[in-house]
Amino acid sequence: MMFKVFDYIYYRWYNIVTHKDVHRDIYASSIVASYQMLTFINLILLASILFGFKRPDKIYIILLAVILIVINWYRYERGFDISKLEERWGNEPEDKKRIRFILLIAYLVVTFTVPWIYGFATN
């Protein structure tokens, strides 16, 4: 299930890159890593609030980011065939596509904003 969500995020962002750059797979893979990283940061914040444990140092967050980038590179760039995702979501109705994209943007904004607001509130 989780891979389906990230596959969809990858597929949508891959097709959004308007200049059809040869490296749009790198852009889409980096955006997927951003979604994953922000989700992880939000889960850590939630757990630290609920259970009162100390948040990890920045070095661990950076290490996690590097690991996510490597995993996504391996999954989406190393011999990946976009036609598999085209078969699955290529004929998606426009209204459904628009709603899902709005949800993806909203998810990105929320997962970015929550740690930012939390940082301001605690400092």
N, C-alpha and C. Protein backbone atom coordinates (compact mmCIF):
# COMPACT_ATOMS: atom_id res chain seq x y z
N MET A 1 0.83 -1.21 0.00
CA MET A 1 0.00 0.00 0.00
C MET A 1 0.86 1.25 0.00
N MET A 2 1.87 1.29 0.88
CA MET A 2 2.69 2.49 1.00
C MET A 2 3.46 2.75 -0.30
N PHE A 3 3.94 1.68 -0.92
CA PHE A 3 4.66 1.89 -2.18
C PHE A 3 3.74 2.44 -3.26
N LYS A 4 2.48 2.06 -3.23
CA LYS A 4 1.53 2.58 -4.22
C LYS A 4 1.42 4.10 -4.10
N VAL A 5 1.36 4.58 -2.87
CA VAL A 5 1.26 6.03 -2.65
C VAL A 5 2.49 6.73 -3.21
N PHE A 6 3.65 6.22 -2.89
CA PHE A 6 4.88 6.86 -3.37
C PHE A 6 5.07 6.68 -4.87
N ASP A 7 4.60 5.55 -5.40
CA ASP A 7 4.64 5.37 -6.85
C ASP A 7 3.75 6.41 -7.54
N TYR A 8 2.58 6.66 -6.94
CA TYR A 8 1.67 7.65 -7.52
C TYR A 8 2.29 9.05 -7.45
N ILE A 9 2.89 9.37 -6.32
CA ILE A 9 3.55 10.68 -6.18
C ILE A 9 4.65 10.81 -7.24
N TYR A 10 5.44 9.77 -7.38
CA TYR A 10 6.50 9.78 -8.39
C TYR A 10 5.91 9.98 -9.78
N TYR A 11 4.89 9.22 -10.10
CA TYR A 11 4.29 9.28 -11.43
C TYR A 11 3.73 10.67 -11.74
N ARG A 12 2.98 11.22 -10.78
CA ARG A 12 2.40 12.55 -11.01
C ARG A 12 3.47 13.61 -11.19
N TRP A 13 4.45 13.63 -10.31
CA TRP A 13 5.49 14.66 -10.42
C TRP A 13 6.36 14.44 -11.66
N TYR A 14 6.57 13.21 -12.04
CA TYR A 14 7.33 12.90 -13.25
C TYR A 14 6.65 13.52 -14.46
N ASN A 15 5.32 13.46 -14.49
CA ASN A 15 4.58 14.00 -15.62
C ASN A 15 4.32 15.50 -15.53
N ILE A 16 4.54 16.08 -14.38
CA ILE A 16 4.29 17.52 -14.20
C ILE A 16 5.46 18.36 -14.70
N VAL A 17 6.63 17.81 -14.63
CA VAL A 17 7.81 18.57 -15.08
C VAL A 17 7.58 18.97 -16.53
N THR A 18 7.35 20.26 -16.74
CA THR A 18 6.87 20.73 -18.03
C THR A 18 7.94 20.79 -19.11
N HIS A 19 9.16 21.02 -18.71
CA HIS A 19 10.19 21.17 -19.75
C HIS A 19 10.69 19.83 -20.26
N LYS A 20 10.11 18.76 -19.77
CA LYS A 20 10.43 17.40 -20.22
C LYS A 20 11.95 17.17 -20.25
N ASP A 21 12.56 17.63 -19.21
CA ASP A 21 14.00 17.50 -19.05
C ASP A 21 14.38 16.02 -19.02
N VAL A 22 15.55 15.73 -19.46
CA VAL A 22 16.03 14.35 -19.45
C VAL A 22 16.15 13.84 -18.02
N HIS A 23 16.27 14.73 -17.08
CA HIS A 23 16.47 14.35 -15.69
C HIS A 23 15.21 14.49 -14.84
N ARG A 24 14.06 14.45 -15.46
CA ARG A 24 12.84 14.62 -14.68
C ARG A 24 12.63 13.46 -13.72
N ASP A 25 13.25 12.31 -13.99
CA ASP A 25 13.18 11.20 -13.04
C ASP A 25 13.88 11.55 -11.73
N ILE A 26 14.96 12.32 -11.82
CA ILE A 26 15.68 12.75 -10.62
C ILE A 26 14.81 13.72 -9.82
N TYR A 27 14.15 14.64 -10.50
CA TYR A 27 13.26 15.59 -9.82
C TYR A 27 12.14 14.84 -9.10
N ALA A 28 11.49 13.93 -9.79
CA ALA A 28 10.37 13.20 -9.21
C ALA A 28 10.84 12.34 -8.03
N SER A 29 11.98 11.70 -8.17
CA SER A 29 12.52 10.88 -7.10
C SER A 29 12.87 11.73 -5.88
N SER A 30 13.40 12.92 -6.10
CA SER A 30 13.72 13.82 -5.00
C SER A 30 12.47 14.32 -4.30
N ILE A 31 11.41 14.55 -5.05
CA ILE A 31 10.15 14.98 -4.45
C ILE A 31 9.56 13.85 -3.60
N VAL A 32 9.65 12.63 -4.07
CA VAL A 32 9.19 11.49 -3.28
C VAL A 32 9.98 11.41 -1.98
N ALA A 33 11.29 11.58 -2.05
CA ALA A 33 12.12 11.57 -0.85
C ALA A 33 11.70 12.70 0.10
N SER A 34 11.33 13.84 -0.44
CA SER A 34 10.88 14.96 0.40
C SER A 34 9.59 14.59 1.12
N TYR A 35 8.65 14.02 0.41
CA TYR A 35 7.41 13.56 1.05
C TYR A 35 7.73 12.58 2.18
N GLN A 36 8.59 11.63 1.90
CA GLN A 36 8.93 10.62 2.89
C GLN A 36 9.62 11.24 4.10
N MET A 37 10.54 12.15 3.84
CA MET A 37 11.29 12.79 4.92
C MET A 37 10.36 13.63 5.79
N LEU A 38 9.51 14.42 5.18
CA LEU A 38 8.59 15.25 5.95
C LEU A 38 7.60 14.39 6.75
N THR A 39 7.17 13.30 6.18
CA THR A 39 6.29 12.38 6.92
C THR A 39 7.01 11.83 8.14
N PHE A 40 8.25 11.42 7.95
CA PHE A 40 9.03 10.89 9.07
C PHE A 40 9.24 11.95 10.15
N ILE A 41 9.57 13.16 9.76
CA ILE A 41 9.77 14.24 10.72
C ILE A 41 8.48 14.50 11.51
N ASN A 42 7.35 14.49 10.83
CA ASN A 42 6.08 14.69 11.52
C ASN A 42 5.78 13.55 12.50
N LEU A 43 6.09 12.33 12.11
CA LEU A 43 5.88 11.21 13.02
C LEU A 43 6.79 11.31 14.24
N ILE A 44 8.03 11.73 14.04
CA ILE A 44 8.96 11.91 15.17
C ILE A 44 8.44 13.00 16.10
N LEU A 45 7.97 14.12 15.53
CA LEU A 45 7.43 15.19 16.36
C LEU A 45 6.22 14.73 17.15
N LEU A 46 5.33 14.01 16.50
CA LEU A 46 4.14 13.51 17.17
C LEU A 46 4.52 12.56 18.31
N ALA A 47 5.44 11.67 18.05
CA ALA A 47 5.88 10.72 19.08
C ALA A 47 6.58 11.45 20.23
N SER A 48 7.37 12.46 19.92
CA SER A 48 8.06 13.18 21.00
C SER A 48 7.08 13.98 21.85
N ILE A 49 6.01 14.48 21.24
CA ILE A 49 4.99 15.20 22.01
C ILE A 49 4.18 14.22 22.87
N LEU A 50 3.77 13.12 22.26
CA LEU A 50 2.93 12.16 22.98
C LEU A 50 3.68 11.39 24.07
N PHE A 51 4.92 11.00 23.78
CA PHE A 51 5.64 10.14 24.70
C PHE A 51 6.78 10.85 25.43
N GLY A 52 7.03 12.10 25.07
CA GLY A 52 7.99 12.92 25.79
C GLY A 52 9.45 12.55 25.62
N PHE A 53 9.81 11.86 24.56
CA PHE A 53 11.23 11.57 24.38
C PHE A 53 11.92 12.68 23.59
N LYS A 54 13.23 12.71 23.71
CA LYS A 54 14.02 13.74 23.05
C LYS A 54 14.05 13.50 21.54
N ARG A 55 13.90 14.58 20.79
CA ARG A 55 13.99 14.48 19.32
C ARG A 55 15.43 14.14 18.91
N PRO A 56 15.59 13.40 17.82
CA PRO A 56 16.95 13.06 17.38
C PRO A 56 17.71 14.30 16.90
N ASP A 57 19.03 14.23 16.97
CA ASP A 57 19.87 15.32 16.48
C ASP A 57 19.74 15.45 14.97
N LYS A 58 20.16 16.61 14.47
CA LYS A 58 20.06 16.90 13.04
C LYS A 58 20.87 15.91 12.19
N ILE A 59 21.96 15.43 12.72
CA ILE A 59 22.81 14.52 11.95
C ILE A 59 22.04 13.25 11.57
N TYR A 60 21.17 12.79 12.47
CA TYR A 60 20.38 11.60 12.18
C TYR A 60 19.32 11.87 11.12
N ILE A 61 18.78 13.08 11.15
CA ILE A 61 17.80 13.47 10.14
C ILE A 61 18.49 13.55 8.77
N ILE A 62 19.68 14.11 8.73
CA ILE A 62 20.43 14.19 7.48
C ILE A 62 20.79 12.80 6.97
N LEU A 63 21.20 11.93 7.89
CA LEU A 63 21.52 10.55 7.52
C LEU A 63 20.29 9.85 6.94
N LEU A 64 19.14 10.06 7.57
CA LEU A 64 17.91 9.48 7.05
C LEU A 64 17.59 10.02 5.66
N ALA A 65 17.80 11.31 5.44
CA ALA A 65 17.54 11.91 4.13
C ALA A 65 18.42 11.25 3.06
N VAL A 66 19.68 11.04 3.38
CA VAL A 66 20.59 10.41 2.42
C VAL A 66 20.14 8.97 2.13
N ILE A 67 19.75 8.26 3.17
CA ILE A 67 19.28 6.88 2.98
C ILE A 67 18.03 6.85 2.10
N LEU A 68 17.09 7.79 2.33
CA LEU A 68 15.89 7.84 1.51
C LEU A 68 16.21 8.16 0.05
N ILE A 69 17.14 9.06 -0.16
CA ILE A 69 17.54 9.41 -1.53
C ILE A 69 18.14 8.20 -2.23
N VAL A 70 18.97 7.44 -1.53
CA VAL A 70 19.59 6.25 -2.12
C VAL A 70 18.52 5.20 -2.42
N ILE A 71 17.61 4.98 -1.48
CA ILE A 71 16.55 3.99 -1.70
C ILE A 71 15.68 4.40 -2.89
N ASN A 72 15.33 5.68 -2.96
CA ASN A 72 14.49 6.13 -4.08
C ASN A 72 15.25 6.09 -5.39
N TRP A 73 16.53 6.37 -5.37
CA TRP A 73 17.32 6.25 -6.59
C TRP A 73 17.27 4.80 -7.06
N TYR A 74 17.48 3.89 -6.13
CA TYR A 74 17.49 2.48 -6.48
C TYR A 74 16.12 2.04 -7.01
N ARG A 75 15.07 2.53 -6.40
CA ARG A 75 13.72 2.12 -6.80
C ARG A 75 13.26 2.78 -8.09
N TYR A 76 13.49 4.09 -8.25
CA TYR A 76 12.88 4.83 -9.35
C TYR A 76 13.81 5.20 -10.50
N GLU A 77 15.08 5.07 -10.33
CA GLU A 77 15.97 5.50 -11.40
C GLU A 77 16.82 4.38 -11.97
N ARG A 78 17.18 3.45 -11.18
CA ARG A 78 18.06 2.37 -11.62
C ARG A 78 17.24 1.31 -12.35
N GLY A 79 17.15 1.45 -13.65
CA GLY A 79 16.44 0.48 -14.47
C GLY A 79 14.93 0.50 -14.32
N PHE A 80 14.38 1.61 -13.86
CA PHE A 80 12.94 1.71 -13.65
C PHE A 80 12.24 1.99 -14.97
N ASP A 81 11.10 1.34 -15.17
CA ASP A 81 10.33 1.52 -16.40
C ASP A 81 9.03 2.26 -16.06
N ILE A 82 8.94 3.50 -16.52
CA ILE A 82 7.78 4.35 -16.22
C ILE A 82 6.50 3.80 -16.84
N SER A 83 6.62 2.96 -17.84
CA SER A 83 5.42 2.42 -18.50
C SER A 83 4.58 1.57 -17.56
N LYS A 84 5.19 1.00 -16.51
CA LYS A 84 4.42 0.25 -15.52
C LYS A 84 3.42 1.16 -14.82
N LEU A 85 3.88 2.37 -14.51
CA LEU A 85 2.99 3.32 -13.85
C LEU A 85 2.02 3.94 -14.85
N GLU A 86 2.45 4.07 -16.10
CA GLU A 86 1.56 4.58 -17.15
C GLU A 86 0.36 3.65 -17.32
N GLU A 87 0.61 2.34 -17.27
CA GLU A 87 -0.46 1.37 -17.41
C GLU A 87 -1.47 1.52 -16.28
N ARG A 88 -0.96 1.80 -15.10
CA ARG A 88 -1.82 1.88 -13.93
C ARG A 88 -2.62 3.19 -13.86
N TRP A 89 -1.94 4.33 -14.10
CA TRP A 89 -2.58 5.63 -13.90
C TRP A 89 -2.64 6.48 -15.17
N GLY A 90 -2.25 5.97 -16.29
CA GLY A 90 -2.22 6.75 -17.52
C GLY A 90 -3.59 7.20 -18.01
N ASN A 91 -4.61 6.40 -17.75
CA ASN A 91 -5.96 6.73 -18.22
C ASN A 91 -6.85 7.24 -17.09
N GLU A 92 -6.25 7.80 -16.08
CA GLU A 92 -7.00 8.31 -14.93
C GLU A 92 -7.88 9.49 -15.38
N PRO A 93 -9.14 9.53 -14.99
CA PRO A 93 -10.01 10.64 -15.36
C PRO A 93 -9.46 11.98 -14.84
N GLU A 94 -9.68 13.02 -15.61
CA GLU A 94 -9.14 14.35 -15.27
C GLU A 94 -9.61 14.85 -13.91
N ASP A 95 -10.87 14.67 -13.58
CA ASP A 95 -11.37 15.16 -12.30
C ASP A 95 -10.73 14.42 -11.13
N LYS A 96 -10.56 13.12 -11.28
CA LYS A 96 -9.90 12.32 -10.25
C LYS A 96 -8.42 12.73 -10.12
N LYS A 97 -7.79 12.95 -11.26
CA LYS A 97 -6.39 13.36 -11.29
C LYS A 97 -6.22 14.70 -10.58
N ARG A 98 -7.11 15.64 -10.85
CA ARG A 98 -7.05 16.97 -10.25
C ARG A 98 -7.24 16.91 -8.74
N ILE A 99 -8.22 16.13 -8.29
CA ILE A 99 -8.49 15.99 -6.86
C ILE A 99 -7.30 15.36 -6.14
N ARG A 100 -6.76 14.30 -6.73
CA ARG A 100 -5.60 13.65 -6.11
C ARG A 100 -4.39 14.57 -6.06
N PHE A 101 -4.21 15.38 -7.10
CA PHE A 101 -3.08 16.29 -7.10
C PHE A 101 -3.26 17.37 -6.04
N ILE A 102 -4.47 17.86 -5.88
CA ILE A 102 -4.74 18.84 -4.82
C ILE A 102 -4.45 18.22 -3.45
N LEU A 103 -4.82 16.96 -3.27
CA LEU A 103 -4.52 16.27 -2.02
C LEU A 103 -3.01 16.11 -1.81
N LEU A 104 -2.28 15.82 -2.88
CA LEU A 104 -0.82 15.71 -2.78
C LEU A 104 -0.19 17.03 -2.36
N ILE A 105 -0.66 18.12 -2.94
CA ILE A 105 -0.14 19.44 -2.59
C ILE A 105 -0.51 19.78 -1.14
N ALA A 106 -1.75 19.51 -0.76
CA ALA A 106 -2.19 19.78 0.61
C ALA A 106 -1.36 18.97 1.61
N TYR A 107 -1.11 17.71 1.28
CA TYR A 107 -0.29 16.86 2.15
C TYR A 107 1.12 17.43 2.30
N LEU A 108 1.69 17.88 1.20
CA LEU A 108 3.03 18.46 1.24
C LEU A 108 3.04 19.73 2.08
N VAL A 109 2.06 20.58 1.91
CA VAL A 109 1.99 21.83 2.68
C VAL A 109 1.83 21.54 4.17
N VAL A 110 0.95 20.61 4.52
CA VAL A 110 0.72 20.29 5.93
C VAL A 110 1.97 19.68 6.56
N THR A 111 2.58 18.72 5.88
CA THR A 111 3.76 18.07 6.46
C THR A 111 4.95 19.01 6.53
N PHE A 112 4.97 20.05 5.72
CA PHE A 112 6.03 21.04 5.81
C PHE A 112 5.73 22.06 6.91
N THR A 113 4.47 22.44 7.02
CA THR A 113 4.08 23.51 7.93
C THR A 113 4.08 23.07 9.40
N VAL A 114 3.66 21.86 9.69
CA VAL A 114 3.57 21.40 11.08
C VAL A 114 4.91 21.48 11.81
N PRO A 115 6.01 20.94 11.28
CA PRO A 115 7.29 21.08 12.00
C PRO A 115 7.76 22.53 12.10
N TRP A 116 7.45 23.30 11.10
CA TRP A 116 7.83 24.70 11.08
C TRP A 116 7.11 25.45 12.22
N ILE A 117 5.82 25.26 12.33
CA ILE A 117 5.04 25.90 13.39
C ILE A 117 5.48 25.39 14.76
N TYR A 118 5.72 24.09 14.86
CA TYR A 118 6.19 23.51 16.11
C TYR A 118 7.53 24.12 16.53
N GLY A 119 8.41 24.32 15.57
CA GLY A 119 9.70 24.94 15.86
C GLY A 119 9.56 26.35 16.39
N PHE A 120 8.66 27.14 15.79
CA PHE A 120 8.41 28.48 16.27
C PHE A 120 7.77 28.48 17.66
N ALA A 121 6.88 27.54 17.91
CA ALA A 121 6.16 27.49 19.17
C ALA A 121 7.06 27.07 20.34
N THR A 122 8.06 26.25 20.06
CA THR A 122 8.91 25.77 21.14
C THR A 122 10.15 26.62 21.35
N ASN A 123 10.44 27.54 20.48
CA ASN A 123 11.63 28.39 20.67
C ASN A 123 11.26 29.77 21.13
